[in-house]
Protein backbone atom coordinates (compact mmCIF):
# COMPACT_ATOMS: atom_id res chain seq x y z
CA UNK A 1 257.27 67.23 63.05
CA UNK A 2 258.47 63.65 62.98
CA UNK A 3 255.36 61.46 62.40
CA UNK A 4 256.48 58.86 64.94
CA UNK A 5 256.99 61.50 67.63
CA UNK A 6 253.61 63.06 66.88
CA UNK A 7 251.86 59.69 67.03
CA UNK A 8 253.44 58.85 70.37
CA UNK A 9 252.64 62.31 71.79
CA UNK A 10 248.97 61.86 70.80
CA UNK A 11 248.91 58.48 72.52
CA UNK A 12 250.37 59.93 75.73
CA UNK A 13 248.04 62.94 75.81
CA UNK A 14 244.98 60.78 75.22
CA UNK A 15 245.88 58.65 78.24
CA UNK A 16 246.65 61.56 80.58
CA UNK A 17 244.13 62.79 83.14
CA UNK A 18 243.88 63.70 86.82
CA UNK A 19 244.39 60.09 87.90
CA UNK A 20 247.15 59.46 85.33
CA UNK A 21 249.45 62.52 85.19
CA UNK A 22 251.15 63.19 81.88
CA UNK A 23 254.67 62.86 83.29
CA UNK A 24 253.90 59.36 84.60
CA UNK A 25 252.23 58.27 81.35
CA UNK A 26 255.17 59.70 79.41
CA UNK A 27 257.71 57.69 81.43
CA UNK A 28 255.72 54.49 81.01
CA UNK A 29 255.24 54.92 77.28
CA UNK A 30 258.86 55.78 76.58
CA UNK A 31 260.01 52.82 78.64
CA UNK A 32 257.69 50.52 76.67
CA UNK A 33 259.02 51.64 73.28
CA UNK A 34 261.53 49.25 71.77
CA UNK A 35 264.54 50.64 69.92
CA UNK A 36 263.45 54.23 70.49
CA UNK A 37 266.31 56.58 69.60
CA UNK A 38 267.44 58.72 72.51
CA UNK A 39 266.74 61.91 70.59
CA UNK A 40 263.21 60.71 69.85
CA UNK A 41 262.45 60.37 73.55
CA UNK A 42 263.63 63.93 74.10
CA UNK A 43 261.48 65.21 71.21
CA UNK A 44 258.38 63.40 72.48
CA UNK A 45 258.88 64.74 76.00
CA UNK A 46 259.22 68.31 74.78
CA UNK A 47 256.19 67.89 72.53
CA UNK A 48 253.92 66.59 75.30
CA UNK A 49 254.98 69.26 77.79
CA UNK A 50 254.68 72.00 75.16
CA UNK A 51 251.09 70.93 74.56
CA UNK A 52 250.14 71.43 78.22
CA UNK A 53 252.30 74.53 78.64
CA UNK A 54 250.51 76.26 75.75
CA UNK A 55 247.07 74.69 76.20
CA UNK A 56 245.49 78.07 76.92
CA UNK A 57 246.24 79.14 73.34
CA UNK A 58 244.77 76.07 71.62
CA UNK A 59 241.33 75.57 70.07
CA UNK A 60 240.35 72.29 71.69
CA UNK A 61 236.80 72.34 70.31
CA UNK A 62 237.50 72.89 66.62
CA UNK A 63 241.04 71.60 66.04
CA UNK A 64 242.22 68.03 65.76
CA UNK A 65 244.57 67.02 68.56
CA UNK A 66 247.41 66.54 66.10
CA UNK A 67 246.98 70.12 64.86
CA UNK A 68 246.84 71.43 68.42
CA UNK A 69 250.11 69.66 69.24
CA UNK A 70 251.86 71.11 66.18
CA UNK A 71 250.56 74.59 67.12
CA UNK A 72 251.79 74.19 70.70
CA UNK A 73 255.30 73.30 69.55
CA UNK A 74 255.29 76.34 67.25
CA UNK A 75 254.29 78.55 70.19
CA UNK A 76 257.04 77.03 72.35
CA UNK A 77 259.61 77.71 69.62
CA UNK A 78 258.40 81.29 69.21
CA UNK A 79 258.61 81.94 72.94
CA UNK A 80 262.10 80.45 73.16
CA UNK A 81 263.27 82.71 70.32
CA UNK A 82 261.54 85.90 71.50
CA UNK A 83 259.66 85.88 74.83
CA UNK A 84 258.66 89.51 74.31
CA UNK A 85 256.52 88.53 71.33
CA UNK A 86 253.94 87.52 73.96
CA UNK A 87 252.43 90.28 76.11
CA UNK A 88 252.27 90.10 79.89
CA UNK A 89 248.48 90.34 79.85
CA UNK A 90 248.18 87.48 77.36
CA UNK A 91 250.45 85.24 79.40
CA UNK A 92 248.72 85.94 82.72
CA UNK A 93 245.30 85.28 81.16
CA UNK A 94 246.19 82.05 79.36
CA UNK A 95 249.17 80.35 81.00
CA UNK A 96 247.52 79.42 84.33
CA UNK A 97 243.95 78.79 85.53
CA UNK A 98 242.01 81.85 86.66
CA UNK A 99 241.45 80.54 90.21
CA UNK A 100 245.19 80.70 90.96
CA UNK A 101 244.95 84.48 91.55
CA UNK A 102 242.84 83.76 94.64
CA UNK A 103 245.77 81.90 96.21
CA UNK A 104 248.88 83.84 95.19
CA UNK A 105 249.99 86.91 93.30
CA UNK A 106 250.12 86.01 89.62
CA UNK A 107 252.79 88.27 88.12
CA UNK A 108 254.29 88.55 84.64
CA UNK A 109 257.59 87.38 86.09
CA UNK A 110 255.95 84.24 87.47
CA UNK A 111 254.08 83.21 84.34
CA UNK A 112 257.05 83.96 82.08
CA UNK A 113 259.12 81.58 84.18
CA UNK A 114 256.39 78.95 83.92
CA UNK A 115 256.32 79.22 80.12
CA UNK A 116 260.08 78.79 79.79
CA UNK A 117 261.49 75.31 79.38
CA UNK A 118 262.84 74.05 82.71
CA UNK A 119 266.42 74.15 83.92
CA UNK A 120 268.11 70.87 84.89
CA UNK A 121 269.96 71.05 88.20
CA UNK A 122 272.34 68.45 89.62
CA UNK A 123 273.65 67.99 93.15
CA UNK A 124 277.18 66.67 93.39
CA UNK A 125 278.33 64.95 96.54
CA UNK A 126 279.89 67.28 99.07
CA UNK A 127 283.11 68.72 97.65
CA UNK A 128 282.81 67.01 94.24
CA UNK A 129 281.04 69.78 92.33
CA UNK A 130 283.97 70.94 90.22
CA UNK A 131 285.16 67.39 89.55
CA UNK A 132 281.71 66.26 88.41
CA UNK A 133 281.33 69.38 86.25
CA UNK A 134 284.64 68.61 84.57
CA UNK A 135 283.67 64.99 83.90
CA UNK A 136 280.23 65.77 82.48
CA UNK A 137 280.94 69.03 80.70
CA UNK A 138 278.13 71.48 79.87
CA UNK A 139 277.83 72.39 83.57
CA UNK A 140 277.56 75.78 85.25
CA UNK A 141 278.51 75.89 88.94
CA UNK A 142 276.00 77.84 91.02
CA UNK A 143 278.55 79.63 93.20
CA UNK A 144 281.02 79.20 96.03
CA UNK A 145 280.79 77.35 99.34
CA UNK A 146 277.77 75.05 99.48
CA UNK A 147 276.67 76.37 96.08
CA UNK A 148 279.78 74.86 94.48
CA UNK A 149 278.11 71.44 94.53
CA UNK A 150 274.96 72.66 92.73
CA UNK A 151 275.40 72.32 88.95
CA UNK A 152 273.20 73.66 86.17
CA UNK A 153 273.42 71.20 83.29
CA UNK A 154 273.08 72.39 79.68
CA UNK A 155 274.02 69.20 77.84
CA UNK A 156 271.95 66.55 76.08
CA UNK A 157 273.54 63.38 77.41
CA UNK A 158 271.50 60.71 79.18
CA UNK A 159 272.91 61.45 82.63
CA UNK A 160 271.68 58.19 84.14
CA UNK A 161 274.10 56.30 81.90
CA UNK A 162 277.18 58.36 82.80
CA UNK A 163 280.00 56.93 84.89
CA UNK A 164 279.80 59.66 87.59
CA UNK A 165 276.08 58.96 88.12
CA UNK A 166 276.60 55.21 88.27
CA UNK A 167 279.37 55.81 90.83
CA UNK A 168 276.99 57.83 93.02
CA UNK A 169 278.85 61.11 92.55
CA UNK A 170 275.77 63.20 91.79
CA UNK A 171 271.96 63.23 91.83
CA UNK A 172 269.42 65.05 89.71
CA UNK A 173 267.94 67.49 92.22
CA UNK A 174 266.38 70.91 91.78
CA UNK A 175 268.39 73.70 93.36
CA UNK A 176 265.54 74.85 95.60
CA UNK A 177 265.13 71.29 96.88
CA UNK A 178 268.83 71.40 97.68
CA UNK A 179 268.23 74.66 99.53
CA UNK A 180 265.71 72.96 101.82
CA UNK A 181 268.43 70.61 103.08
CA UNK A 182 270.98 73.40 103.39
CA UNK A 183 268.48 75.18 105.64
CA UNK A 184 268.07 72.03 107.74
CA UNK A 185 271.81 72.22 108.45
CA UNK A 186 272.10 68.72 109.95
CA UNK A 187 275.14 67.85 112.05
CA UNK A 188 277.22 64.71 112.18
CA UNK A 189 275.92 62.28 114.79
CA UNK A 190 272.41 63.77 114.95
CA UNK A 191 269.21 61.78 114.53
CA UNK A 192 266.78 63.12 111.91
CA UNK A 193 263.38 62.11 110.59
CA UNK A 194 262.56 62.68 106.92
CA UNK A 195 258.84 62.21 107.46
CA UNK A 196 257.68 62.23 103.81
CA UNK A 197 260.86 60.90 102.27
CA UNK A 198 259.47 59.76 98.93
CA UNK A 199 262.27 58.25 96.88
CA UNK A 200 264.86 59.91 99.10
CA UNK A 201 266.26 62.90 97.24
CA UNK A 202 266.48 65.07 100.35
CA UNK A 203 267.46 62.12 102.58
CA UNK A 204 270.50 61.43 100.42
CA UNK A 205 271.45 65.10 100.72
CA UNK A 206 270.94 65.07 104.50
CA UNK A 207 273.22 62.05 104.74
CA UNK A 208 275.87 63.73 102.61
CA UNK A 209 275.93 66.80 104.85
CA UNK A 210 276.08 64.49 107.91
CA UNK A 211 279.10 62.65 106.40
CA UNK A 212 277.06 59.42 106.50
CA UNK A 213 277.14 59.64 110.33
CA UNK A 214 274.29 59.68 112.82
CA UNK A 215 270.93 58.29 111.73
CA UNK A 216 268.08 59.37 109.44
CA UNK A 217 264.68 57.74 109.59
CA UNK A 218 262.76 57.72 106.30
CA UNK A 219 259.00 57.25 106.27
CA UNK A 220 256.45 57.51 103.49
CA UNK A 221 252.84 56.51 102.81
CA UNK A 222 253.85 54.58 99.67
CA UNK A 223 256.06 51.55 100.25
CA UNK A 224 257.09 51.51 96.58
CA UNK A 225 258.86 54.83 97.07
CA UNK A 226 260.84 53.42 99.98
CA UNK A 227 261.91 50.49 97.81
CA UNK A 228 263.24 52.90 95.19
CA UNK A 229 264.98 54.83 97.98
CA UNK A 230 266.80 51.62 98.90
CA UNK A 231 268.27 51.35 95.40
CA UNK A 232 269.21 55.03 95.29
CA UNK A 233 270.88 54.85 98.69
CA UNK A 234 272.92 51.83 97.63
CA UNK A 235 274.20 53.61 94.53
CA UNK A 236 275.03 56.73 96.56
CA UNK A 237 276.68 54.61 99.28
CA UNK A 238 274.35 56.00 101.95
CA UNK A 239 274.12 53.69 104.94
CA UNK A 240 273.02 55.85 107.88
CA UNK A 241 269.27 55.51 107.36
CA UNK A 242 266.38 53.25 108.24
CA UNK A 243 262.94 53.14 106.64
CA UNK A 244 259.39 52.52 107.85
CA UNK A 245 255.88 52.92 106.47
CA UNK A 246 253.84 55.85 107.80
CA UNK A 247 250.54 57.12 106.44
CA UNK A 248 250.74 60.51 108.16
CA UNK A 249 248.35 59.56 110.94
CA UNK A 250 248.62 60.07 114.67
CA UNK A 251 249.81 56.49 115.14
CA UNK A 252 253.53 56.62 114.47
CA UNK A 253 255.62 53.66 113.32
CA UNK A 254 256.77 51.69 116.39
CA UNK A 255 260.25 51.44 114.85
CA UNK A 256 260.85 55.16 115.40
CA UNK A 257 262.72 56.29 118.55
CA UNK A 258 259.50 57.39 120.23
CA UNK A 259 261.15 57.97 123.60
CA UNK A 260 264.41 59.69 122.66
CA UNK A 261 262.92 61.67 119.74
CA UNK A 262 264.78 63.61 117.03
CA UNK A 263 267.34 66.38 116.76
CA UNK A 264 265.57 67.44 113.57
CA UNK A 265 262.43 66.63 111.62
CA UNK A 266 262.01 67.50 107.95
CA UNK A 267 258.40 67.48 106.76
CA UNK A 268 258.43 67.82 102.97
CA UNK A 269 254.67 67.56 102.92
CA UNK A 270 252.29 66.45 100.16
CA UNK A 271 251.10 69.54 98.32
CA UNK A 272 249.59 70.86 95.08
CA UNK A 273 253.07 71.09 93.51
CA UNK A 274 252.21 74.43 91.94
CA UNK A 275 255.87 75.40 92.24
CA UNK A 276 256.69 72.68 89.69
CA UNK A 277 254.23 73.82 87.00
CA UNK A 278 257.13 74.94 84.84
CA UNK A 279 258.38 71.35 84.45
CA UNK A 280 255.00 69.63 84.95
CA UNK A 281 252.52 71.82 83.05
CA UNK A 282 249.81 69.14 82.87
CA UNK A 283 249.12 69.73 86.57
CA UNK A 284 247.99 73.31 85.82
CA UNK A 285 244.81 71.89 84.35
CA UNK A 286 244.15 69.11 86.88
CA UNK A 287 244.69 70.81 90.27
CA UNK A 288 241.49 72.37 91.66
CA UNK A 289 240.79 74.97 94.38
CA UNK A 290 239.21 72.18 96.41
CA UNK A 291 242.46 70.20 96.21
CA UNK A 292 244.35 73.18 97.64
CA UNK A 293 242.14 73.21 100.74
CA UNK A 294 242.21 69.43 101.13
CA UNK A 295 245.99 69.38 100.99
CA UNK A 296 246.31 72.30 103.41
CA UNK A 297 244.23 70.32 105.90
CA UNK A 298 246.47 67.30 105.34
CA UNK A 299 249.61 69.39 105.85
CA UNK A 300 248.33 70.71 109.18
CA UNK A 301 247.59 67.15 110.28
CA UNK A 302 251.09 66.00 109.32
CA UNK A 303 252.71 68.93 111.13
CA UNK A 304 250.66 68.37 114.27
CA UNK A 305 251.60 64.69 114.27
CA UNK A 306 255.36 65.10 113.78
CA UNK A 307 255.90 68.07 116.12
CA UNK A 308 255.85 66.06 119.38
CA UNK A 309 258.73 63.97 118.05
CA UNK A 310 261.14 66.92 118.06
CA UNK A 311 263.51 67.03 121.05
CA UNK A 312 263.60 70.18 123.18
CA UNK A 313 266.10 72.39 121.38
CA UNK A 314 265.58 70.45 118.15
CA UNK A 315 264.48 71.73 114.73
CA UNK A 316 261.30 71.31 112.73
CA UNK A 317 261.48 72.18 109.03
CA UNK A 318 258.30 72.41 106.94
CA UNK A 319 258.72 72.47 103.16
CA UNK A 320 256.28 72.41 100.24
CA UNK A 321 256.89 72.92 96.52
CA UNK A 322 253.94 75.26 96.24
CA UNK A 323 253.27 78.93 96.91
CA UNK A 324 249.55 79.11 97.75
CA UNK A 325 248.52 81.06 100.84
CA UNK A 326 246.49 78.11 102.13
CA UNK A 327 249.49 75.74 102.05
CA UNK A 328 252.11 78.19 103.33
CA UNK A 329 251.22 81.16 105.54
CA UNK A 330 247.93 79.71 106.76
CA UNK A 331 249.47 76.34 107.67
CA UNK A 332 252.27 78.12 109.53
CA UNK A 333 249.79 80.30 111.46
CA UNK A 334 247.67 77.30 112.44
CA UNK A 335 250.73 75.40 113.64
CA UNK A 336 252.12 78.25 115.71
CA UNK A 337 248.75 78.78 117.38
CA UNK A 338 248.63 75.11 118.37
CA UNK A 339 252.30 74.68 119.35
CA UNK A 340 253.56 77.81 121.16
CA UNK A 341 256.65 75.94 122.39
CA UNK A 342 258.00 76.00 118.81
CA UNK A 343 259.65 79.33 118.05
CA UNK A 344 260.52 80.56 114.55
CA UNK A 345 264.18 79.80 113.85
CA UNK A 346 265.88 82.48 111.72
CA UNK A 347 268.76 81.17 109.59
CA UNK A 348 270.84 82.75 106.81
CA UNK A 349 269.65 82.69 103.21
CA UNK A 350 271.81 80.07 101.43
CA UNK A 351 271.82 82.23 98.29
CA UNK A 352 272.75 85.43 100.13
CA UNK A 353 269.81 87.38 98.68
CA UNK A 354 268.02 88.14 101.96
CA UNK A 355 270.48 90.16 104.08
CA UNK A 356 269.11 89.15 107.49
CA UNK A 357 268.43 85.62 108.80
CA UNK A 358 264.82 84.52 108.29
CA UNK A 359 262.56 81.75 109.61
CA UNK A 360 260.61 81.57 106.34
CA UNK A 361 261.78 81.38 102.73
CA UNK A 362 259.75 81.64 99.56
CA UNK A 363 261.87 80.57 96.58
CA UNK A 364 260.29 81.61 93.27
CA UNK A 365 260.34 79.74 89.92
CA UNK A 366 261.95 82.77 88.27
CA UNK A 367 264.88 82.63 90.70
CA UNK A 368 267.69 80.44 89.35
CA UNK A 369 265.24 78.39 87.30
CA UNK A 370 264.30 76.47 90.43
CA UNK A 371 260.97 75.09 91.56
CA UNK A 372 258.70 77.35 93.57
CA UNK A 373 259.30 76.33 97.19
CA UNK A 374 258.21 77.48 100.64
CA UNK A 375 260.20 76.63 103.78
CA UNK A 376 259.48 77.43 107.44
CA UNK A 377 261.77 76.58 110.36
CA UNK A 378 261.14 76.30 114.10
CA UNK A 379 263.15 75.34 117.17
CA UNK A 380 261.43 73.69 120.11
CA UNK A 381 261.85 75.39 123.44
CA UNK A 382 264.04 73.79 126.06
CA UNK A 383 262.45 73.50 129.50
CA UNK A 384 263.64 76.02 132.07
CA UNK A 385 266.20 74.48 134.49
CA UNK A 386 264.99 74.02 138.06
CA UNK A 387 265.84 76.84 140.49
CA UNK A 388 269.33 76.51 141.87
CA UNK A 389 270.74 74.66 138.85
CA UNK A 390 274.41 75.71 138.44
CA UNK A 391 275.29 77.50 135.17
CA UNK A 392 277.26 75.65 132.45
CA UNK A 393 280.98 75.31 133.05
CA UNK A 394 283.14 78.12 131.74
CA UNK A 395 284.03 77.66 128.10
CA UNK A 396 281.10 75.33 127.35
CA UNK A 397 279.48 76.17 124.04
CA UNK A 398 275.85 75.91 123.07
CA UNK A 399 274.91 73.96 119.95
CA UNK A 400 274.45 76.08 116.86
CA UNK A 401 270.81 76.70 116.07
CA UNK A 402 270.98 77.71 112.45
CA UNK A 403 273.21 78.55 109.56
CA UNK A 404 273.78 76.73 106.32
CA UNK A 405 277.32 75.41 106.59
CA UNK A 406 277.46 71.99 108.29
CA UNK A 407 279.93 71.52 111.11
CA UNK A 408 283.25 69.97 110.19
């Protein structure tokens, strides 16, 4: 192994802990390095993530950290060359913490996906998938229709420096995160609330499907994320949004349309991120069972606080990049018990795998190389019209409730 890469990997690992995740430390350290060759940054990243991905095989008590890192890279190379050289039992025992089995079914398929190096997915602007793929090269188009703008990238180029990225023609976005927005199915002219917008990946996608029409409110508990959203939106030429700070509490930002409410609310809630353990393996060893319960309580609070802001007939979409029972099925059950006027909203599977429309989706890490993701959808009841109200005029059409293809 290159001595400089090994030295930098040791420095990053020594700084990483629960408060300072390895991916954040890695970004900071690589940014601070002067004249670091592009290939060196890629090598260091792979080395650090290999260490955490294969930590369950390393002798932390008796081996020097440098030797552990070299061993982890050797294990990663062996798995890439022949995954079957590792048994299912060995992988399930060592690749994830033992407590995970109390929260979800740990299968060989799941842990094998987690041990594989992650897939890089791109989202081209609506209708530009084939053009972006041709410009970048090394792209595999996910399918037809809405899938034609989802690109699996196999190249080694620094995509942030490419002309199509600088022109706002594509974003780096996991395919299952893209699926969340497809399931939202926003319409031109609607008003949406992206309640935990972060740096705006899903907001930019919502805007694209809405043809930059209507309005999207972005809120987050970290103002720094909203500042980064502003820069991303400018590059993507997204103008139909407004931003406000919100900490998830019952007191909503006064800037929001508290009286008129929203056609749709997307709650991409804070979670344990277990569905991202393939690309962020350090988190396997920092997330605790107590954190799962704390976050499930937080998710219920967020859901209960945003639900009243959905218009009658409007949609509420709950999404988390985790698969634990506490953060998925149990949160859904608690919400439905508290808000009976929200009915499950079945919509078609954007990937066409589930034959019938569903109101819940559980996307697995071994499907398409995407993050593990859970999505639930509801529609708020409309009040019954007063007795004697005349029926709608002949030929009037009701607004579509679901589906994954935005209206023209």
